[in-house]
Amino acid sequence: MESNAKLSSVRLSPRKTRLVVDLVRGKGIQDALNILRFMPQPSAKLVSKLLKSAVSNAEQKGVSDVDRLFVKTIYVDGGAALKRFVPRAMGRASKIRKPTSHIAVTLSDSK
């Protein structure tokens, strides 16, 4: 049985978030949470909360053994970028892009 969780429009760069997500893909749920607990990146905390949400969704569906769950798929897509401008020299302006991410995870109990 599979369970899903999704987090949309997170104010984190997709490129930096993918570095964290790649470390937990295919791991057991306990291993993945332990890896994320000791990572210094800000995205690790959000991915950890997302995994806990997916585990909670699995419990609601009635998975018999939550400890057998593993991260089947997890991916990060780019969201809409917030566009801002900052004043520069000689009356010019420079564009600043503040990227967002969409993170999706699927947990499964059987390979």
PDB file of N, CA and C in Angstrom:
ATOM      1  N   MET A   1       0.843  -1.177   0.000  1.00  0.00           N
ATOM      2  CA  MET A   1       0.000   0.000   0.000  1.00  0.00           C
ATOM      3  C   MET A   1       0.886   1.237   0.000  1.00  0.00           C
ATOM      4  N   GLU A   2       0.468   2.236  -0.711  1.00  0.00           N
ATOM      5  CA  GLU A   2       1.244   3.465  -0.832  1.00  0.00           C
ATOM      6  C   GLU A   2       0.522   4.626  -0.157  1.00  0.00           C
ATOM      7  N   SER A   3       1.317   5.589   0.276  1.00  0.00           N
ATOM      8  CA  SER A   3       0.752   6.829   0.804  1.00  0.00           C
ATOM      9  C   SER A   3       1.557   7.989   0.241  1.00  0.00           C
ATOM     10  N   ASN A   4       0.866   9.092   0.016  1.00  0.00           N
ATOM     11  CA  ASN A   4       1.469  10.257  -0.621  1.00  0.00           C
ATOM     12  C   ASN A   4       1.384  11.467   0.295  1.00  0.00           C
ATOM     13  N   ALA A   5       2.284  12.398   0.062  1.00  0.00           N
ATOM     14  CA  ALA A   5       2.223  13.704   0.716  1.00  0.00           C
ATOM     15  C   ALA A   5       2.875  14.702  -0.238  1.00  0.00           C
ATOM     16  N   LYS A   6       2.379  15.930  -0.192  1.00  0.00           N
ATOM     17  CA  LYS A   6       2.863  16.947  -1.118  1.00  0.00           C
ATOM     18  C   LYS A   6       2.952  18.288  -0.397  1.00  0.00           C
ATOM     19  N   LEU A   7       4.000  19.019  -0.701  1.00  0.00           N
ATOM     20  CA  LEU A   7       4.222  20.337  -0.118  1.00  0.00           C
ATOM     21  C   LEU A   7       4.435  21.313  -1.270  1.00  0.00           C
ATOM     22  N   SER A   8       3.612  22.329  -1.351  1.00  0.00           N
ATOM     23  CA  SER A   8       3.645  23.242  -2.495  1.00  0.00           C
ATOM     24  C   SER A   8       4.126  24.627  -2.098  1.00  0.00           C
ATOM     25  N   SER A   9       4.781  25.271  -3.031  1.00  0.00           N
ATOM     26  CA  SER A   9       5.210  26.671  -2.925  1.00  0.00           C
ATOM     27  C   SER A   9       6.056  26.951  -1.689  1.00  0.00           C
ATOM     28  N   VAL A  10       7.049  26.117  -1.474  1.00  0.00           N
ATOM     29  CA  VAL A  10       7.985  26.316  -0.375  1.00  0.00           C
ATOM     30  C   VAL A  10       9.033  27.323  -0.824  1.00  0.00           C
ATOM     31  N   ARG A  11       9.365  28.288   0.007  1.00  0.00           N
ATOM     32  CA  ARG A  11      10.313  29.336  -0.370  1.00  0.00           C
ATOM     33  C   ARG A  11      11.750  28.843  -0.251  1.00  0.00           C
ATOM     34  N   LEU A  12      12.051  27.763  -0.954  1.00  0.00           N
ATOM     35  CA  LEU A  12      13.396  27.211  -1.015  1.00  0.00           C
ATOM     36  C   LEU A  12      13.741  26.953  -2.466  1.00  0.00           C
ATOM     37  N   SER A  13      15.002  27.060  -2.793  1.00  0.00           N
ATOM     38  CA  SER A  13      15.446  26.808  -4.151  1.00  0.00           C
ATOM     39  C   SER A  13      15.336  25.322  -4.483  1.00  0.00           C
ATOM     40  N   PRO A  14      14.767  24.973  -5.640  1.00  0.00           N
ATOM     41  CA  PRO A  14      14.662  23.554  -6.001  1.00  0.00           C
ATOM     42  C   PRO A  14      16.024  22.884  -6.117  1.00  0.00           C
ATOM     43  N   ARG A  15      17.006  23.606  -6.604  1.00  0.00           N
ATOM     44  CA  ARG A  15      18.336  23.026  -6.785  1.00  0.00           C
ATOM     45  C   ARG A  15      18.949  22.609  -5.443  1.00  0.00           C
ATOM     46  N   LYS A  16      18.809  23.457  -4.436  1.00  0.00           N
ATOM     47  CA  LYS A  16      19.357  23.137  -3.116  1.00  0.00           C
ATOM     48  C   LYS A  16      18.534  22.062  -2.412  1.00  0.00           C
ATOM     49  N   THR A  17      17.232  22.058  -2.654  1.00  0.00           N
ATOM     50  CA  THR A  17      16.372  21.066  -2.026  1.00  0.00           C
ATOM     51  C   THR A  17      16.616  19.684  -2.611  1.00  0.00           C
ATOM     52  N   ARG A  18      16.917  19.615  -3.904  1.00  0.00           N
ATOM     53  CA  ARG A  18      17.189  18.312  -4.534  1.00  0.00           C
ATOM     54  C   ARG A  18      18.412  17.632  -3.927  1.00  0.00           C
ATOM     55  N   LEU A  19      19.389  18.399  -3.474  1.00  0.00           N
ATOM     56  CA  LEU A  19      20.566  17.814  -2.842  1.00  0.00           C
ATOM     57  C   LEU A  19      20.182  17.048  -1.582  1.00  0.00           C
ATOM     58  N   VAL A  20      19.229  17.548  -0.828  1.00  0.00           N
ATOM     59  CA  VAL A  20      18.774  16.897   0.394  1.00  0.00           C
ATOM     60  C   VAL A  20      17.898  15.696   0.059  1.00  0.00           C
ATOM     61  N   VAL A  21      17.004  15.873  -0.900  1.00  0.00           N
ATOM     62  CA  VAL A  21      16.044  14.826  -1.260  1.00  0.00           C
ATOM     63  C   VAL A  21      16.745  13.597  -1.835  1.00  0.00           C
ATOM     64  N   ASP A  22      17.828  13.815  -2.584  1.00  0.00           N
ATOM     65  CA  ASP A  22      18.545  12.694  -3.198  1.00  0.00           C
ATOM     66  C   ASP A  22      19.148  11.753  -2.167  1.00  0.00           C
ATOM     67  N   LEU A  23      19.431  12.252  -0.976  1.00  0.00           N
ATOM     68  CA  LEU A  23      20.039  11.416   0.057  1.00  0.00           C
ATOM     69  C   LEU A  23      19.060  10.433   0.686  1.00  0.00           C
ATOM     70  N   VAL A  24      17.763  10.713   0.648  1.00  0.00           N
ATOM     71  CA  VAL A  24      16.791   9.850   1.325  1.00  0.00           C
ATOM     72  C   VAL A  24      15.985   8.982   0.364  1.00  0.00           C
ATOM     73  N   ARG A  25      16.155   9.164  -0.929  1.00  0.00           N
ATOM     74  CA  ARG A  25      15.400   8.375  -1.914  1.00  0.00           C
ATOM     75  C   ARG A  25      15.791   6.907  -1.793  1.00  0.00           C
ATOM     76  N   GLY A  26      14.774   6.031  -1.640  1.00  0.00           N
ATOM     77  CA  GLY A  26      14.994   4.591  -1.555  1.00  0.00           C
ATOM     78  C   GLY A  26      15.317   4.076  -0.162  1.00  0.00           C
ATOM     79  N   LYS A  27      15.464   4.942   0.819  1.00  0.00           N
ATOM     80  CA  LYS A  27      15.802   4.526   2.174  1.00  0.00           C
ATOM     81  C   LYS A  27      14.545   4.158   2.957  1.00  0.00           C
ATOM     82  N   GLY A  28      14.741   3.396   4.025  1.00  0.00           N
ATOM     83  CA  GLY A  28      13.655   3.124   4.956  1.00  0.00           C
ATOM     84  C   GLY A  28      13.272   4.398   5.678  1.00  0.00           C
ATOM     85  N   ILE A  29      12.074   4.416   6.229  1.00  0.00           N
ATOM     86  CA  ILE A  29      11.561   5.655   6.811  1.00  0.00           C
ATOM     87  C   ILE A  29      12.382   6.087   8.026  1.00  0.00           C
ATOM     88  N   GLN A  30      12.798   5.132   8.866  1.00  0.00           N
ATOM     89  CA  GLN A  30      13.604   5.488  10.035  1.00  0.00           C
ATOM     90  C   GLN A  30      14.989   5.990   9.621  1.00  0.00           C
ATOM     91  N   ASP A  31      15.595   5.331   8.635  1.00  0.00           N
ATOM     92  CA  ASP A  31      16.905   5.783   8.148  1.00  0.00           C
ATOM     93  C   ASP A  31      16.809   7.183   7.560  1.00  0.00           C
ATOM     94  N   ALA A  32      15.759   7.429   6.786  1.00  0.00           N
ATOM     95  CA  ALA A  32      15.593   8.736   6.148  1.00  0.00           C
ATOM     96  C   ALA A  32      15.426   9.837   7.196  1.00  0.00           C
ATOM     97  N   LEU A  33      14.621   9.582   8.218  1.00  0.00           N
ATOM     98  CA  LEU A  33      14.416  10.597   9.254  1.00  0.00           C
ATOM     99  C   LEU A  33      15.697  10.845  10.055  1.00  0.00           C
ATOM    100  N   ASN A  34      16.486   9.791  10.288  1.00  0.00           N
ATOM    101  CA  ASN A  34      17.755   9.968  11.000  1.00  0.00           C
ATOM    102  C   ASN A  34      18.746  10.771  10.169  1.00  0.00           C
ATOM    103  N   ILE A  35      18.789  10.524   8.873  1.00  0.00           N
ATOM    104  CA  ILE A  35      19.679  11.286   8.001  1.00  0.00           C
ATOM    105  C   ILE A  35      19.298  12.765   8.017  1.00  0.00           C
ATOM    106  N   LEU A  36      17.997  13.039   7.898  1.00  0.00           N
ATOM    107  CA  LEU A  36      17.528  14.424   7.842  1.00  0.00           C
ATOM    108  C   LEU A  36      17.709  15.158   9.162  1.00  0.00           C
ATOM    109  N   ARG A  37      17.653  14.432  10.268  1.00  0.00           N
ATOM    110  CA  ARG A  37      17.745  15.064  11.580  1.00  0.00           C
ATOM    111  C   ARG A  37      19.088  15.767  11.780  1.00  0.00           C
ATOM    112  N   PHE A  38      20.143  15.215  11.208  1.00  0.00           N
ATOM    113  CA  PHE A  38      21.481  15.755  11.450  1.00  0.00           C
ATOM    114  C   PHE A  38      22.024  16.572  10.286  1.00  0.00           C
ATOM    115  N   MET A  39      21.187  16.923   9.338  1.00  0.00           N
ATOM    116  CA  MET A  39      21.630  17.751   8.213  1.00  0.00           C
ATOM    117  C   MET A  39      21.447  19.227   8.554  1.00  0.00           C
ATOM    118  N   PRO A  40      22.411  20.072   8.199  1.00  0.00           N
ATOM    119  CA  PRO A  40      22.319  21.493   8.554  1.00  0.00           C
ATOM    120  C   PRO A  40      21.454  22.315   7.598  1.00  0.00           C
ATOM    121  N   GLN A  41      21.064  21.766   6.450  1.00  0.00           N
ATOM    122  CA  GLN A  41      20.307  22.531   5.470  1.00  0.00           C
ATOM    123  C   GLN A  41      18.899  22.836   5.975  1.00  0.00           C
ATOM    124  N   PRO A  42      18.387  24.026   5.667  1.00  0.00           N
ATOM    125  CA  PRO A  42      17.026  24.375   6.081  1.00  0.00           C
ATOM    126  C   PRO A  42      15.961  23.483   5.431  1.00  0.00           C
ATOM    127  N   SER A  43      16.233  22.994   4.244  1.00  0.00           N
ATOM    128  CA  SER A  43      15.245  22.157   3.566  1.00  0.00           C
ATOM    129  C   SER A  43      15.105  20.794   4.231  1.00  0.00           C
ATOM    130  N   ALA A  44      16.092  20.355   4.999  1.00  0.00           N
ATOM    131  CA  ALA A  44      16.027  19.045   5.655  1.00  0.00           C
ATOM    132  C   ALA A  44      14.876  18.995   6.658  1.00  0.00           C
ATOM    133  N   LYS A  45      14.648  20.087   7.345  1.00  0.00           N
ATOM    134  CA  LYS A  45      13.572  20.124   8.338  1.00  0.00           C
ATOM    135  C   LYS A  45      12.208  20.003   7.653  1.00  0.00           C
ATOM    136  N   LEU A  46      12.023  20.690   6.529  1.00  0.00           N
ATOM    137  CA  LEU A  46      10.750  20.618   5.819  1.00  0.00           C
ATOM    138  C   LEU A  46      10.525  19.246   5.194  1.00  0.00           C
ATOM    139  N   VAL A  47      11.572  18.640   4.656  1.00  0.00           N
ATOM    140  CA  VAL A  47      11.442  17.306   4.069  1.00  0.00           C
ATOM    141  C   VAL A  47      11.122  16.297   5.168  1.00  0.00           C
ATOM    142  N   SER A  48      11.717  16.474   6.342  1.00  0.00           N
ATOM    143  CA  SER A  48      11.424  15.599   7.471  1.00  0.00           C
ATOM    144  C   SER A  48       9.953  15.700   7.880  1.00  0.00           C
ATOM    145  N   LYS A  49       9.432  16.914   7.943  1.00  0.00           N
ATOM    146  CA  LYS A  49       8.018  17.098   8.279  1.00  0.00           C
ATOM    147  C   LYS A  49       7.116  16.480   7.221  1.00  0.00           C
ATOM    148  N   LEU A  50       7.536  16.567   5.961  1.00  0.00           N
ATOM    149  CA  LEU A  50       6.755  15.978   4.877  1.00  0.00           C
ATOM    150  C   LEU A  50       6.740  14.460   4.982  1.00  0.00           C
ATOM    151  N   LEU A  51       7.876  13.849   5.320  1.00  0.00           N
ATOM    152  CA  LEU A  51       7.922  12.402   5.498  1.00  0.00           C
ATOM    153  C   LEU A  51       7.039  11.959   6.665  1.00  0.00           C
ATOM    154  N   LYS A  52       7.056  12.715   7.743  1.00  0.00           N
ATOM    155  CA  LYS A  52       6.196  12.388   8.887  1.00  0.00           C
ATOM    156  C   LYS A  52       4.724  12.497   8.510  1.00  0.00           C
ATOM    157  N   SER A  53       4.392  13.465   7.664  1.00  0.00           N
ATOM    158  CA  SER A  53       3.019  13.602   7.185  1.00  0.00           C
ATOM    159  C   SER A  53       2.615  12.404   6.331  1.00  0.00           C
ATOM    160  N   ALA A  54       3.526  11.934   5.488  1.00  0.00           N
ATOM    161  CA  ALA A  54       3.234  10.767   4.660  1.00  0.00           C
ATOM    162  C   ALA A  54       3.054   9.514   5.521  1.00  0.00           C
ATOM    163  N   VAL A  55       3.843   9.392   6.585  1.00  0.00           N
ATOM    164  CA  VAL A  55       3.677   8.264   7.510  1.00  0.00           C
ATOM    165  C   VAL A  55       2.317   8.341   8.189  1.00  0.00           C
ATOM    166  N   SER A  56       1.918   9.543   8.577  1.00  0.00           N
ATOM    167  CA  SER A  56       0.603   9.728   9.192  1.00  0.00           C
ATOM    168  C   SER A  56      -0.516   9.368   8.217  1.00  0.00           C
ATOM    169  N   ASN A  57      -0.334   9.726   6.942  1.00  0.00           N
ATOM    170  CA  ASN A  57      -1.322   9.349   5.935  1.00  0.00           C
ATOM    171  C   ASN A  57      -1.399   7.838   5.773  1.00  0.00           C
ATOM    172  N   ALA A  58      -0.260   7.173   5.872  1.00  0.00           N
ATOM    173  CA  ALA A  58      -0.243   5.712   5.780  1.00  0.00           C
ATOM    174  C   ALA A  58      -0.976   5.085   6.961  1.00  0.00           C
ATOM    175  N   GLU A  59      -0.796   5.658   8.136  1.00  0.00           N
ATOM    176  CA  GLU A  59      -1.508   5.145   9.313  1.00  0.00           C
ATOM    177  C   GLU A  59      -3.012   5.315   9.152  1.00  0.00           C
ATOM    178  N   GLN A  60      -3.440   6.431   8.576  1.00  0.00           N
ATOM    179  CA  GLN A  60      -4.864   6.652   8.344  1.00  0.00           C
ATOM    180  C   GLN A  60      -5.435   5.647   7.355  1.00  0.00           C
ATOM    181  N   LYS A  61      -4.624   5.249   6.372  1.00  0.00           N
ATOM    182  CA  LYS A  61      -5.074   4.254   5.392  1.00  0.00           C
ATOM    183  C   LYS A  61      -5.117   2.850   5.976  1.00  0.00           C
ATOM    184  N   GLY A  62      -4.418   2.643   7.089  1.00  0.00           N
ATOM    185  CA  GLY A  62      -4.452   1.347   7.742  1.00  0.00           C
ATOM    186  C   GLY A  62      -3.304   0.431   7.377  1.00  0.00           C
ATOM    187  N   VAL A  63      -2.112   0.992   7.175  1.00  0.00           N
ATOM    188  CA  VAL A  63      -0.942   0.154   6.922  1.00  0.00           C
ATOM    189  C   VAL A  63      -0.625  -0.620   8.195  1.00  0.00           C
ATOM    190  N   SER A  64      -0.390  -1.924   8.061  1.00  0.00           N
ATOM    191  CA  SER A  64      -0.208  -2.770   9.233  1.00  0.00           C
ATOM    192  C   SER A  64       1.086  -2.467   9.982  1.00  0.00           C
ATOM    193  N   ASP A  65       2.202  -2.290   9.263  1.00  0.00           N
ATOM    194  CA  ASP A  65       3.478  -2.059   9.922  1.00  0.00           C
ATOM    195  C   ASP A  65       4.141  -0.809   9.337  1.00  0.00           C
ATOM    196  N   VAL A  66       4.141   0.262  10.098  1.00  0.00           N
ATOM    197  CA  VAL A  66       4.685   1.539   9.641  1.00  0.00           C
ATOM    198  C   VAL A  66       6.207   1.467   9.511  1.00  0.00           C
ATOM    199  N   ASP A  67       6.856   0.610  10.295  1.00  0.00           N
ATOM    200  CA  ASP A  67       8.317   0.511  10.259  1.00  0.00           C
ATOM    201  C   ASP A  67       8.835  -0.101   8.960  1.00  0.00           C
ATOM    202  N   ARG A  68       7.983  -0.782   8.194  1.00  0.00           N
ATOM    203  CA  ARG A  68       8.400  -1.379   6.927  1.00  0.00           C
ATOM    204  C   ARG A  68       8.329  -0.388   5.768  1.00  0.00           C
ATOM    205  N   LEU A  69       7.822   0.809   5.995  1.00  0.00           N
ATOM    206  CA  LEU A  69       7.692   1.792   4.924  1.00  0.00           C
ATOM    207  C   LEU A  69       9.062   2.262   4.455  1.00  0.00           C
ATOM    208  N   PHE A  70       9.153   2.555   3.167  1.00  0.00           N
ATOM    209  CA  PHE A  70      10.360   3.140   2.615  1.00  0.00           C
ATOM    210  C   PHE A  70       9.967   4.215   1.614  1.00  0.00           C
ATOM    211  N   VAL A  71      10.903   5.077   1.280  1.00  0.00           N
ATOM    212  CA  VAL A  71      10.661   6.192   0.371  1.00  0.00           C
ATOM    213  C   VAL A  71      10.735   5.647  -1.048  1.00  0.00           C
ATOM    214  N   LYS A  72       9.576   5.445  -1.658  1.00  0.00           N
ATOM    215  CA  LYS A  72       9.543   4.898  -3.016  1.00  0.00           C
ATOM    216  C   LYS A  72       9.934   5.966  -4.030  1.00  0.00           C
ATOM    217  N   THR A  73       9.257   7.091  -4.003  1.00  0.00           N
ATOM    218  CA  THR A  73       9.618   8.213  -4.874  1.00  0.00           C
ATOM    219  C   THR A  73       9.576   9.498  -4.066  1.00  0.00           C
ATOM    220  N   ILE A  74      10.502  10.368  -4.367  1.00  0.00           N
ATOM    221  CA  ILE A  74      10.498  11.710  -3.793  1.00  0.00           C
ATOM    222  C   ILE A  74      11.167  12.611  -4.823  1.00  0.00           C
ATOM    223  N   TYR A  75      10.510  13.707  -5.127  1.00  0.00           N
ATOM    224  CA  TYR A  75      11.061  14.604  -6.136  1.00  0.00           C
ATOM    225  C   TYR A  75      10.702  16.040  -5.825  1.00  0.00           C
ATOM    226  N   VAL A  76      11.477  16.944  -6.424  1.00  0.00           N
ATOM    227  CA  VAL A  76      11.312  18.380  -6.220  1.00  0.00           C
ATOM    228  C   VAL A  76      11.117  19.028  -7.582  1.00  0.00           C
ATOM    229  N   ASP A  77      10.046  19.759  -7.742  1.00  0.00           N
ATOM    230  CA  ASP A  77       9.789  20.523  -8.950  1.00  0.00           C
ATOM    231  C   ASP A  77       9.889  22.006  -8.625  1.00  0.00           C
ATOM    232  N   GLY A  78      10.252  22.776  -9.612  1.00  0.00           N
ATOM    233  CA  GLY A  78      10.322  24.222  -9.430  1.00  0.00           C
ATOM    234  C   GLY A  78       8.939  24.845  -9.469  1.00  0.00           C
ATOM    235  N   GLY A  79       8.716  25.799  -8.604  1.00  0.00           N
ATOM    236  CA  GLY A  79       7.447  26.515  -8.585  1.00  0.00           C
ATOM    237  C   GLY A  79       7.614  27.896  -9.191  1.00  0.00           C
ATOM    238  N   ALA A  80       6.656  28.734  -8.938  1.00  0.00           N
ATOM    239  CA  ALA A  80       6.710  30.107  -9.441  1.00  0.00           C
ATOM    240  C   ALA A  80       7.788  30.878  -8.691  1.00  0.00           C
ATOM    241  N   ALA A  81       8.514  31.707  -9.409  1.00  0.00           N
ATOM    242  CA  ALA A  81       9.563  32.511  -8.779  1.00  0.00           C
ATOM    243  C   ALA A  81       9.005  33.901  -8.473  1.00  0.00           C
ATOM    244  N   LEU A  82       9.266  34.357  -7.252  1.00  0.00           N
ATOM    245  CA  LEU A  82       8.902  35.724  -6.893  1.00  0.00           C
ATOM    246  C   LEU A  82       9.934  36.653  -7.514  1.00  0.00           C
ATOM    247  N   LYS A  83       9.473  37.681  -8.178  1.00  0.00           N
ATOM    248  CA  LYS A  83      10.387  38.586  -8.864  1.00  0.00           C
ATOM    249  C   LYS A  83      10.423  39.926  -8.126  1.00  0.00           C
ATOM    250  N   ARG A  84      11.619  40.335  -7.780  1.00  0.00           N
ATOM    251  CA  ARG A  84      11.824  41.586  -7.063  1.00  0.00           C
ATOM    252  C   ARG A  84      12.887  42.399  -7.801  1.00  0.00           C
ATOM    253  N   PHE A  85      12.939  43.691  -7.515  1.00  0.00           N
ATOM    254  CA  PHE A  85      13.944  44.557  -8.114  1.00  0.00           C
ATOM    255  C   PHE A  85      14.687  45.300  -7.019  1.00  0.00           C
ATOM    256  N   VAL A  86      15.961  45.520  -7.260  1.00  0.00           N
ATOM    257  CA  VAL A  86      16.792  46.245  -6.317  1.00  0.00           C
ATOM    258  C   VAL A  86      17.463  47.388  -7.085  1.00  0.00           C
ATOM    259  N   PRO A  87      17.511  48.578  -6.505  1.00  0.00           N
ATOM    260  CA  PRO A  87      18.139  49.695  -7.208  1.00  0.00           C
ATOM    261  C   PRO A  87      19.646  49.513  -7.325  1.00  0.00           C
ATOM    262  N   ARG A  88      20.177  49.942  -8.475  1.00  0.00           N
ATOM    263  CA  ARG A  88      21.610  49.852  -8.741  1.00  0.00           C
ATOM    264  C   ARG A  88      22.155  51.230  -9.117  1.00  0.00           C
ATOM    265  N   ALA A  89      23.372  51.258  -9.520  1.00  0.00           N
ATOM    266  CA  ALA A  89      24.030  52.526  -9.848  1.00  0.00           C
ATOM    267  C   ALA A  89      23.439  53.153 -11.114  1.00  0.00           C
ATOM    268  N   MET A  90      23.524  54.462 -11.216  1.00  0.00           N
ATOM    269  CA  MET A  90      23.121  55.248 -12.379  1.00  0.00           C
ATOM    270  C   MET A  90      21.648  55.037 -12.747  1.00  0.00           C
ATOM    271  N   GLY A  91      20.806  54.885 -11.745  1.00  0.00           N
ATOM    272  CA  GLY A  91      19.371  54.811 -11.988  1.00  0.00           C
ATOM    273  C   GLY A  91      18.877  53.490 -12.545  1.00  0.00           C
ATOM    274  N   ARG A  92      19.690  52.493 -12.582  1.00  0.00           N
ATOM    275  CA  ARG A  92      19.279  51.198 -13.110  1.00  0.00           C
ATOM    276  C   ARG A  92      18.671  50.341 -12.008  1.00  0.00           C
ATOM    277  N   ALA A  93      18.112  49.203 -12.423  1.00  0.00           N
ATOM    278  CA  ALA A  93      17.555  48.244 -11.474  1.00  0.00           C
ATOM    279  C   ALA A  93      17.988  46.846 -11.892  1.00  0.00           C
ATOM    280  N   SER A  94      18.216  45.984 -10.909  1.00  0.00           N
ATOM    281  CA  SER A  94      18.571  44.590 -11.169  1.00  0.00           C
ATOM    282  C   SER A  94      17.454  43.697 -10.663  1.00  0.00           C
ATOM    283  N   LYS A  95      17.240  42.619 -11.393  1.00  0.00           N
ATOM    284  CA  LYS A  95      16.186  41.673 -11.032  1.00  0.00           C
ATOM    285  C   LYS A  95      16.706  40.666 -10.006  1.00  0.00           C
ATOM    286  N   ILE A  96      15.898  40.375  -9.018  1.00  0.00           N
ATOM    287  CA  ILE A  96      16.192  39.329  -8.044  1.00  0.00           C
ATOM    288  C   ILE A  96      15.066  38.309  -8.140  1.00  0.00           C
ATOM    289  N   ARG A  97      15.430  37.039  -8.348  1.00  0.00           N
ATOM    290  CA  ARG A  97      14.448  35.956  -8.407  1.00  0.00           C
ATOM    291  C   ARG A  97      14.496  35.188  -7.103  1.00  0.00           C
ATOM    292  N   LYS A  98      13.343  34.989  -6.496  1.00  0.00           N
ATOM    293  CA  LYS A  98      13.250  34.207  -5.267  1.00  0.00           C
ATOM    294  C   LYS A  98      12.468  32.943  -5.592  1.00  0.00           C
ATOM    295  N   PRO A  99      13.180  31.838  -5.858  1.00  0.00           N
ATOM    296  CA  PRO A  99      12.516  30.632  -6.347  1.00  0.00           C
ATOM    297  C   PRO A  99      11.710  29.902  -5.268  1.00  0.00           C
ATOM    298  N   THR A 100      10.713  29.147  -5.713  1.00  0.00           N
ATOM    299  CA  THR A 100       9.917  28.294  -4.832  1.00  0.00           C
ATOM    300  C   THR A 100       9.986  26.859  -5.346  1.00  0.00           C
ATOM    301  N   SER A 101       9.595  25.928  -4.488  1.00  0.00           N
ATOM    302  CA  SER A 101       9.670  24.504  -4.811  1.00  0.00           C
ATOM    303  C   SER A 101       8.362  23.809  -4.480  1.00  0.00           C
ATOM    304  N   HIS A 102       8.103  22.731  -5.199  1.00  0.00           N
ATOM    305  CA  HIS A 102       7.026  21.800  -4.887  1.00  0.00           C
ATOM    306  C   HIS A 102       7.688  20.457  -4.609  1.00  0.00           C
ATOM    307  N   ILE A 103       7.428  19.882  -3.430  1.00  0.00           N
ATOM    308  CA  ILE A 103       8.035  18.611  -3.042  1.00  0.00           C
ATOM    309  C   ILE A 103       6.930  17.573  -2.920  1.00  0.00           C
ATOM    310  N   ALA A 104       7.138  16.395  -3.520  1.00  0.00           N
ATOM    311  CA  ALA A 104       6.165  15.306  -3.446  1.00  0.00           C
ATOM    312  C   ALA A 104       6.882  14.033  -3.027  1.00  0.00           C
ATOM    313  N   VAL A 105       6.226  13.241  -2.182  1.00  0.00           N
ATOM    314  CA  VAL A 105       6.811  11.994  -1.700  1.00  0.00           C
ATOM    315  C   VAL A 105       5.763  10.892  -1.745  1.00  0.00           C
ATOM    316  N   THR A 106       6.213   9.677  -2.071  1.00  0.00           N
ATOM    317  CA  THR A 106       5.373   8.480  -2.035  1.00  0.00           C
ATOM    318  C   THR A 106       6.078   7.444  -1.208  1.00  0.00           C
ATOM    319  N   LEU A 107       5.400   6.924  -0.194  1.00  0.00           N
ATOM    320  CA  LEU A 107       5.932   5.860   0.650  1.00  0.00           C
ATOM    321  C   LEU A 107       5.244   4.558   0.264  1.00  0.00           C
ATOM    322  N   SER A 108       5.971   3.458   0.352  1.00  0.00           N
ATOM    323  CA  SER A 108       5.412   2.156   0.049  1.00  0.00           C
ATOM    324  C   SER A 108       5.924   1.158   1.084  1.00  0.00           C
ATOM    325  N   ASP A 109       5.178   0.072   1.266  1.00  0.00           N
ATOM    326  CA  ASP A 109       5.610  -0.945   2.226  1.00  0.00           C
ATOM    327  C   ASP A 109       6.105  -2.210   1.548  1.00  0.00           C
ATOM    328  N   SER A 110       6.046  -2.265   0.225  1.00  0.00           N
ATOM    329  CA  SER A 110       6.547  -3.445  -0.486  1.00  0.00           C
ATOM    330  C   SER A 110       7.373  -3.007  -1.670  1.00  0.00           C
ATOM    331  N   LYS A 111       8.455  -3.716  -1.926  1.00  0.00           N
ATOM    332  CA  LYS A 111       9.316  -3.379  -3.066  1.00  0.00           C
ATOM    333  C   LYS A 111       8.781  -4.059  -4.244  1.00  0.00           C
TER     334      LYS A 111
END
